[in-house]
C-alpha atoms as a PDB file:
ATOM      1  CA  MET A   1     -16.151  39.206   9.330  1.00  0.00           C
ATOM      2  CA  ASN A   2     -16.894  42.928   9.057  1.00  0.00           C
ATOM      3  CA  ARG A   3     -13.166  43.587   8.532  1.00  0.00           C
ATOM      4  CA  PHE A   4     -13.055  41.081   5.745  1.00  0.00           C
ATOM      5  CA  PHE A   5     -15.789  43.015   3.917  1.00  0.00           C
ATOM      6  CA  ARG A   6     -14.035  46.300   4.411  1.00  0.00           C
ATOM      7  CA  VAL A   7     -10.857  44.774   2.873  1.00  0.00           C
ATOM      8  CA  MET A   8     -12.829  43.400  -0.065  1.00  0.00           C
ATOM      9  CA  LYS A   9     -14.436  46.771  -0.621  1.00  0.00           C
ATOM     10  CA  LEU A  10     -11.058  48.490  -0.525  1.00  0.00           C
ATOM     11  CA  GLY A  11      -9.543  45.988  -3.069  1.00  0.00           C
ATOM     12  CA  ARG A  12     -12.226  46.660  -5.481  1.00  0.00           C
ATOM     13  CA  VAL A  13     -11.969  50.403  -5.293  1.00  0.00           C
ATOM     14  CA  VAL A  14      -8.321  50.112  -5.865  1.00  0.00           C
ATOM     15  CA  ALA A  15      -8.666  47.842  -8.756  1.00  0.00           C
ATOM     16  CA  ALA A  16     -11.437  50.188 -10.265  1.00  0.00           C
ATOM     17  CA  SER A  17      -9.068  53.168  -9.869  1.00  0.00           C
ATOM     18  CA  ALA A  18      -6.188  51.306 -11.500  1.00  0.00           C
ATOM     19  CA  LEU A  19      -8.376  50.240 -14.408  1.00  0.00           C
ATOM     20  CA  ALA A  20      -9.654  53.837 -14.788  1.00  0.00           C
ATOM     21  CA  LEU A  21      -5.993  55.156 -14.969  1.00  0.00           C
ATOM     22  CA  ALA A  22      -4.932  52.440 -17.490  1.00  0.00           C
ATOM     23  CA  LEU A  23      -7.799  53.262 -19.850  1.00  0.00           C
ATOM     24  CA  THR A  24      -7.165  57.039 -19.539  1.00  0.00           C
ATOM     25  CA  ALA A  25      -3.523  56.426 -20.531  1.00  0.00           C
ATOM     26  CA  LEU A  26      -4.507  54.125 -23.422  1.00  0.00           C
ATOM     27  CA  LEU A  27      -7.185  56.320 -24.972  1.00  0.00           C
ATOM     28  CA  SER A  28      -4.968  59.556 -24.617  1.00  0.00           C
ATOM     29  CA  SER A  29      -2.072  57.986 -26.411  1.00  0.00           C
ATOM     30  CA  PRO A  30      -1.486  58.792 -29.969  1.00  0.00           C
ATOM     31  CA  ALA A  31      -2.317  55.397 -31.310  1.00  0.00           C
ATOM     32  CA  HIS A  32      -5.750  55.805 -30.129  1.00  0.00           C
ATOM     33  CA  ALA A  33      -6.278  59.542 -30.739  1.00  0.00           C
ATOM     34  CA  TRP A  34      -8.853  58.554 -33.498  1.00  0.00           C
ATOM     35  CA  ARG A  35     -11.440  57.974 -30.835  1.00  0.00           C
ATOM     36  CA  HIS A  36     -11.750  61.697 -30.490  1.00  0.00           C
ATOM     37  CA  TYR A  37     -12.941  62.126 -34.097  1.00  0.00           C
ATOM     38  CA  THR A  38     -15.954  60.586 -35.535  1.00  0.00           C
ATOM     39  CA  GLN A  39     -16.023  62.857 -38.591  1.00  0.00           C
ATOM     40  CA  LEU A  40     -13.388  63.227 -41.080  1.00  0.00           C
ATOM     41  CA  SER A  41     -13.974  66.936 -41.422  1.00  0.00           C
ATOM     42  CA  ASP A  42     -13.381  67.418 -37.519  1.00  0.00           C
ATOM     43  CA  LEU A  43      -9.978  65.593 -37.938  1.00  0.00           C
ATOM     44  CA  LEU A  44      -8.914  67.531 -40.872  1.00  0.00           C
ATOM     45  CA  GLU A  45      -9.837  70.976 -39.268  1.00  0.00           C
ATOM     46  CA  ALA A  46      -8.118  70.118 -36.172  1.00  0.00           C
ATOM     47  CA  ASN A  47      -4.780  68.947 -37.705  1.00  0.00           C
ATOM     48  CA  GLY A  48      -3.760  71.500 -40.067  1.00  0.00           C
ATOM     49  CA  PHE A  49      -5.776  70.413 -43.064  1.00  0.00           C
ATOM     50  CA  GLY A  50      -8.264  73.320 -43.367  1.00  0.00           C
ATOM     51  CA  THR A  51      -7.645  73.921 -47.065  1.00  0.00           C
ATOM     52  CA  LEU A  52      -8.283  70.177 -47.863  1.00  0.00           C
ATOM     53  CA  LYS A  53     -11.365  70.323 -45.753  1.00  0.00           C
ATOM     54  CA  PHE A  54     -12.635  73.481 -47.676  1.00  0.00           C
ATOM     55  CA  ALA A  55     -11.908  71.765 -51.029  1.00  0.00           C
ATOM     56  CA  LEU A  56     -13.754  68.551 -50.060  1.00  0.00           C
ATOM     57  CA  ASP A  57     -16.631  70.369 -48.765  1.00  0.00           C
ATOM     58  CA  THR A  58     -16.724  72.643 -51.854  1.00  0.00           C
ATOM     59  CA  THR A  59     -16.798  69.445 -54.282  1.00  0.00           C
ATOM     60  CA  ASN A  60     -19.208  67.635 -52.039  1.00  0.00           C
ATOM     61  CA  LEU A  61     -16.856  64.903 -51.355  1.00  0.00           C
ATOM     62  CA  THR A  62     -16.659  65.030 -47.459  1.00  0.00           C
ATOM     63  CA  PRO A  63     -19.994  63.059 -46.971  1.00  0.00           C
ATOM     64  CA  VAL A  64     -18.807  60.535 -49.413  1.00  0.00           C
ATOM     65  CA  LEU A  65     -15.554  59.885 -47.450  1.00  0.00           C
ATOM     66  CA  ASP A  66     -17.197  60.177 -44.207  1.00  0.00           C
ATOM     67  CA  GLN A  67     -19.573  57.432 -45.093  1.00  0.00           C
ATOM     68  CA  ASN A  68     -16.870  55.005 -46.367  1.00  0.00           C
ATOM     69  CA  ARG A  69     -13.662  53.210 -45.205  1.00  0.00           C
ATOM     70  CA  VAL A  70     -11.058  55.522 -46.659  1.00  0.00           C
ATOM     71  CA  THR A  71      -7.276  56.141 -46.728  1.00  0.00           C
ATOM     72  CA  LEU A  72      -6.530  59.796 -47.416  1.00  0.00           C
ATOM     73  CA  PHE A  73      -3.133  61.024 -48.515  1.00  0.00           C
ATOM     74  CA  ALA A  74      -3.655  64.736 -47.176  1.00  0.00           C
ATOM     75  CA  PRO A  75      -1.630  67.652 -48.236  1.00  0.00           C
ATOM     76  CA  THR A  76      -1.192  70.166 -45.346  1.00  0.00           C
ATOM     77  CA  ASP A  77      -2.355  73.918 -45.470  1.00  0.00           C
ATOM     78  CA  ASP A  78       1.333  74.810 -46.186  1.00  0.00           C
ATOM     79  CA  VAL A  79       1.480  72.531 -49.133  1.00  0.00           C
ATOM     80  CA  PHE A  80      -1.437  74.028 -50.759  1.00  0.00           C
ATOM     81  CA  ASP A  81      -0.144  77.747 -50.172  1.00  0.00           C
ATOM     82  CA  ALA A  82       3.190  76.684 -51.702  1.00  0.00           C
ATOM     83  CA  THR A  83       1.561  74.965 -54.717  1.00  0.00           C
ATOM     84  CA  ALA A  84      -0.580  78.034 -55.357  1.00  0.00           C
ATOM     85  CA  GLU A  85       2.514  80.323 -55.004  1.00  0.00           C
ATOM     86  CA  ALA A  86       4.476  78.097 -57.278  1.00  0.00           C
ATOM     87  CA  LEU A  87       1.769  78.098 -59.926  1.00  0.00           C
ATOM     88  CA  GLY A  88       1.378  81.991 -59.693  1.00  0.00           C
ATOM     89  CA  CYS A  89      -2.028  81.944 -58.033  1.00  0.00           C
ATOM     90  CA  SER A  90      -2.772  84.462 -55.342  1.00  0.00           C
ATOM     91  CA  ASP A  91      -3.568  81.959 -52.649  1.00  0.00           C
ATOM     92  CA  ALA A  92      -4.888  78.391 -52.156  1.00  0.00           C
ATOM     93  CA  LEU A  93      -8.506  79.637 -52.542  1.00  0.00           C
ATOM     94  CA  ASP A  94      -7.669  81.039 -56.013  1.00  0.00           C
ATOM     95  CA  LEU A  95      -6.003  77.817 -56.993  1.00  0.00           C
ATOM     96  CA  ALA A  96      -9.090  75.810 -55.895  1.00  0.00           C
ATOM     97  CA  THR A  97     -11.454  78.131 -57.664  1.00  0.00           C
ATOM     98  CA  ARG A  98      -9.467  77.957 -60.914  1.00  0.00           C
ATOM     99  CA  LEU A  99      -9.303  73.973 -60.568  1.00  0.00           C
ATOM    100  CA  ILE A 100     -13.023  73.746 -59.978  1.00  0.00           C
ATOM    101  CA  ASN A 101     -13.473  75.704 -63.132  1.00  0.00           C
ATOM    102  CA  LEU A 102     -11.312  73.635 -65.251  1.00  0.00           C
ATOM    103  CA  PRO A 103     -13.246  70.702 -66.958  1.00  0.00           C
ATOM    104  CA  VAL A 104     -11.264  67.293 -67.045  1.00  0.00           C
ATOM    105  CA  GLY A 105     -13.377  64.585 -68.767  1.00  0.00           C
ATOM    106  CA  ASP A 106     -16.901  64.514 -67.112  1.00  0.00           C
ATOM    107  CA  THR A 107     -15.700  66.315 -63.951  1.00  0.00           C
ATOM    108  CA  ASP A 108     -13.646  69.201 -62.850  1.00  0.00           C
ATOM    109  CA  ALA A 109      -9.876  69.269 -62.092  1.00  0.00           C
ATOM    110  CA  LEU A 110     -10.339  69.973 -58.377  1.00  0.00           C
ATOM    111  CA  THR A 111     -12.590  66.827 -57.967  1.00  0.00           C
ATOM    112  CA  ALA A 112     -10.108  64.720 -60.130  1.00  0.00           C
ATOM    113  CA  ILE A 113      -7.347  65.778 -57.926  1.00  0.00           C
ATOM    114  CA  LEU A 114      -9.035  65.288 -54.652  1.00  0.00           C
ATOM    115  CA  THR A 115     -10.356  61.870 -55.453  1.00  0.00           C
ATOM    116  CA  TYR A 116      -6.953  60.852 -56.689  1.00  0.00           C
ATOM    117  CA  HIS A 117      -5.941  61.282 -52.970  1.00  0.00           C
ATOM    118  CA  ALA A 118      -8.350  58.654 -51.545  1.00  0.00           C
ATOM    119  CA  THR A 119      -8.690  54.853 -51.669  1.00  0.00           C
ATOM    120  CA  LEU A 120     -11.912  53.123 -50.625  1.00  0.00           C
ATOM    121  CA  PHE A 121     -10.202  50.966 -48.112  1.00  0.00           C
ATOM    122  CA  THR A 122      -8.162  51.678 -44.908  1.00  0.00           C
ATOM    123  CA  VAL A 123      -4.421  51.031 -44.763  1.00  0.00           C
ATOM    124  CA  ARG A 124      -3.777  51.435 -41.131  1.00  0.00           C
ATOM    125  CA  SER A 125       0.110  50.978 -40.724  1.00  0.00           C
ATOM    126  CA  ASP A 126       3.192  51.983 -42.674  1.00  0.00           C
ATOM    127  CA  SER A 127       4.109  48.344 -43.081  1.00  0.00           C
ATOM    128  CA  ARG A 128       0.714  47.624 -44.722  1.00  0.00           C
ATOM    129  CA  LEU A 129       1.121  50.430 -46.941  1.00  0.00           C
ATOM    130  CA  LEU A 130       4.443  49.103 -48.086  1.00  0.00           C
ATOM    131  CA  ARG A 131       2.884  45.717 -49.134  1.00  0.00           C
ATOM    132  CA  TYR A 132       1.243  47.713 -52.026  1.00  0.00           C
ATOM    133  CA  ARG A 133       3.324  48.951 -55.020  1.00  0.00           C
ATOM    134  CA  SER A 134       0.371  51.068 -56.286  1.00  0.00           C
ATOM    135  CA  LEU A 135      -3.076  51.812 -54.897  1.00  0.00           C
ATOM    136  CA  HIS A 136      -6.397  52.110 -56.768  1.00  0.00           C
ATOM    137  CA  THR A 137      -7.840  55.526 -56.064  1.00  0.00           C
ATOM    138  CA  VAL A 138     -11.233  56.954 -55.897  1.00  0.00           C
ATOM    139  CA  ASN A 139     -10.713  58.653 -59.241  1.00  0.00           C
ATOM    140  CA  GLY A 140     -10.012  55.368 -60.937  1.00  0.00           C
ATOM    141  CA  ALA A 141      -6.335  55.983 -61.494  1.00  0.00           C
ATOM    142  CA  GLU A 142      -3.205  54.279 -59.667  1.00  0.00           C
ATOM    143  CA  ILE A 143      -0.933  56.022 -57.247  1.00  0.00           C
ATOM    144  CA  GLN A 144       2.602  54.539 -56.598  1.00  0.00           C
ATOM    145  CA  THR A 145       3.942  53.704 -53.069  1.00  0.00           C
ATOM    146  CA  GLY A 146       7.406  52.845 -51.828  1.00  0.00           C
ATOM    147  CA  VAL A 147      10.420  53.988 -49.825  1.00  0.00           C
ATOM    148  CA  ASN A 148      13.248  56.285 -50.742  1.00  0.00           C
ATOM    149  CA  SER A 149      16.036  58.127 -48.900  1.00  0.00           C
ATOM    150  CA  GLY A 150      13.328  60.435 -47.449  1.00  0.00           C
ATOM    151  CA  GLY A 151      11.152  57.542 -46.151  1.00  0.00           C
ATOM    152  CA  LEU A 152       7.623  56.406 -47.157  1.00  0.00           C
ATOM    153  CA  PHE A 153       6.258  57.957 -50.207  1.00  0.00           C
ATOM    154  CA  VAL A 154       3.352  57.996 -52.680  1.00  0.00           C
ATOM    155  CA  LYS A 155       3.506  59.378 -56.167  1.00  0.00           C
ATOM    156  CA  GLY A 156       1.098  60.580 -58.753  1.00  0.00           C
ATOM    157  CA  ASP A 157       1.468  60.224 -62.413  1.00  0.00           C
ATOM    158  CA  ALA A 158       1.868  63.749 -63.275  1.00  0.00           C
ATOM    159  CA  ASN A 159       4.221  64.523 -60.187  1.00  0.00           C
ATOM    160  CA  ALA A 160       7.867  64.844 -61.194  1.00  0.00           C
ATOM    161  CA  THR A 161       8.926  63.594 -57.730  1.00  0.00           C
ATOM    162  CA  PRO A 162       7.394  61.475 -54.994  1.00  0.00           C
ATOM    163  CA  SER A 163       5.423  62.936 -52.231  1.00  0.00           C
ATOM    164  CA  GLN A 164       6.835  62.066 -48.866  1.00  0.00           C
ATOM    165  CA  ILE A 165       4.598  60.979 -46.123  1.00  0.00           C
ATOM    166  CA  SER A 166       5.588  63.595 -43.554  1.00  0.00           C
ATOM    167  CA  SER A 167       4.359  62.168 -40.233  1.00  0.00           C
ATOM    168  CA  ASP A 168       2.532  59.158 -38.640  1.00  0.00           C
ATOM    169  CA  ALA A 169      -0.989  58.328 -39.874  1.00  0.00           C
ATOM    170  CA  ILE A 170      -3.870  59.808 -38.010  1.00  0.00           C
ATOM    171  CA  ALA A 171      -6.472  57.184 -37.736  1.00  0.00           C
ATOM    172  CA  GLY A 172     -10.326  57.830 -37.459  1.00  0.00           C
ATOM    173  CA  PHE A 173     -13.393  55.753 -37.228  1.00  0.00           C
ATOM    174  CA  ARG A 174     -13.605  54.635 -40.770  1.00  0.00           C
ATOM    175  CA  TRP A 175     -10.538  56.291 -42.281  1.00  0.00           C
ATOM    176  CA  VAL A 176      -6.818  56.767 -42.008  1.00  0.00           C
ATOM    177  CA  VAL A 177      -5.081  60.147 -43.000  1.00  0.00           C
ATOM    178  CA  TYR A 178      -1.426  60.170 -44.052  1.00  0.00           C
ATOM    179  CA  PRO A 179       0.009  63.851 -44.242  1.00  0.00           C
ATOM    180  CA  ILE A 180       1.952  64.266 -47.455  1.00  0.00           C
ATOM    181  CA  ASP A 181       4.336  67.143 -48.566  1.00  0.00           C
ATOM    182  CA  GLN A 182       3.038  67.885 -52.127  1.00  0.00           C
ATOM    183  CA  ILE A 183      -0.378  67.443 -54.081  1.00  0.00           C
ATOM    184  CA  LEU A 184      -0.696  64.336 -56.023  1.00  0.00           C
ATOM    185  CA  LEU A 185      -1.630  64.889 -59.667  1.00  0.00           C
ATOM    186  CA  PRO A 186      -3.291  62.561 -61.794  1.00  0.00           C
ATOM    187  CA  ILE A 187      -2.665  65.151 -64.846  1.00  0.00           C
ATOM    188  CA  ALA A 188      -0.431  68.114 -65.027  1.00  0.00           C
ATOM    189  CA  PRO A 189      -2.174  71.397 -64.569  1.00  0.00           C
ATOM    190  CA  PRO A 190      -1.946  73.810 -67.546  1.00  0.00           C
ATOM    191  CA  ALA A 191       0.966  76.095 -67.505  1.00  0.00           C
ATOM    192  CA  ASP A 192      -1.143  79.180 -67.493  1.00  0.00           C
ATOM    193  CA  LEU A 193      -3.630  78.106 -64.729  1.00  0.00           C
ATOM    194  CA  CYS A 194      -3.047  81.115 -62.714  1.00  0.00           C
ATOM    195  CA  ASN A 195      -2.544  83.501 -65.443  1.00  0.00           C
END
């Protein structure tokens, strides 16, 4: 009888170890990486979206996005730098400063552009994203979605070309972030913005 209990105890230890290994593998896989981020700002900072995080913080949009279910189309730091250079600004910070000082309707251009990158619902897969031809953004306008030779894309009204979704979505607690290769524009910036 004593041997029976030792075998049962050993079986429970082996089962518990196997379960722990399976959970560790599951939680460390990319599909479940979101469990490590409970704040959108943490995810942005850790994944090459520092300029976007700075812009969202500057316009007080971070708390709004953190508290809602959101899909965010996120330009990387390199995209902000390339856009600033193309417009003749000294850097991304200079671009953000000029946009925040540019009035657009009842807000500023930076807020109008940033809210154009977010929807107030989560689209957690590429196939679901493809079901929509357009998405209603926080800014009130629509962005177009689709597929072209470069893959899945989103396009702003004032963008000459679509913005490619450059990698898999990064899912978080209440939000999904899709990295994109250009800033989505609801309106064209003035030609002399950085002059």
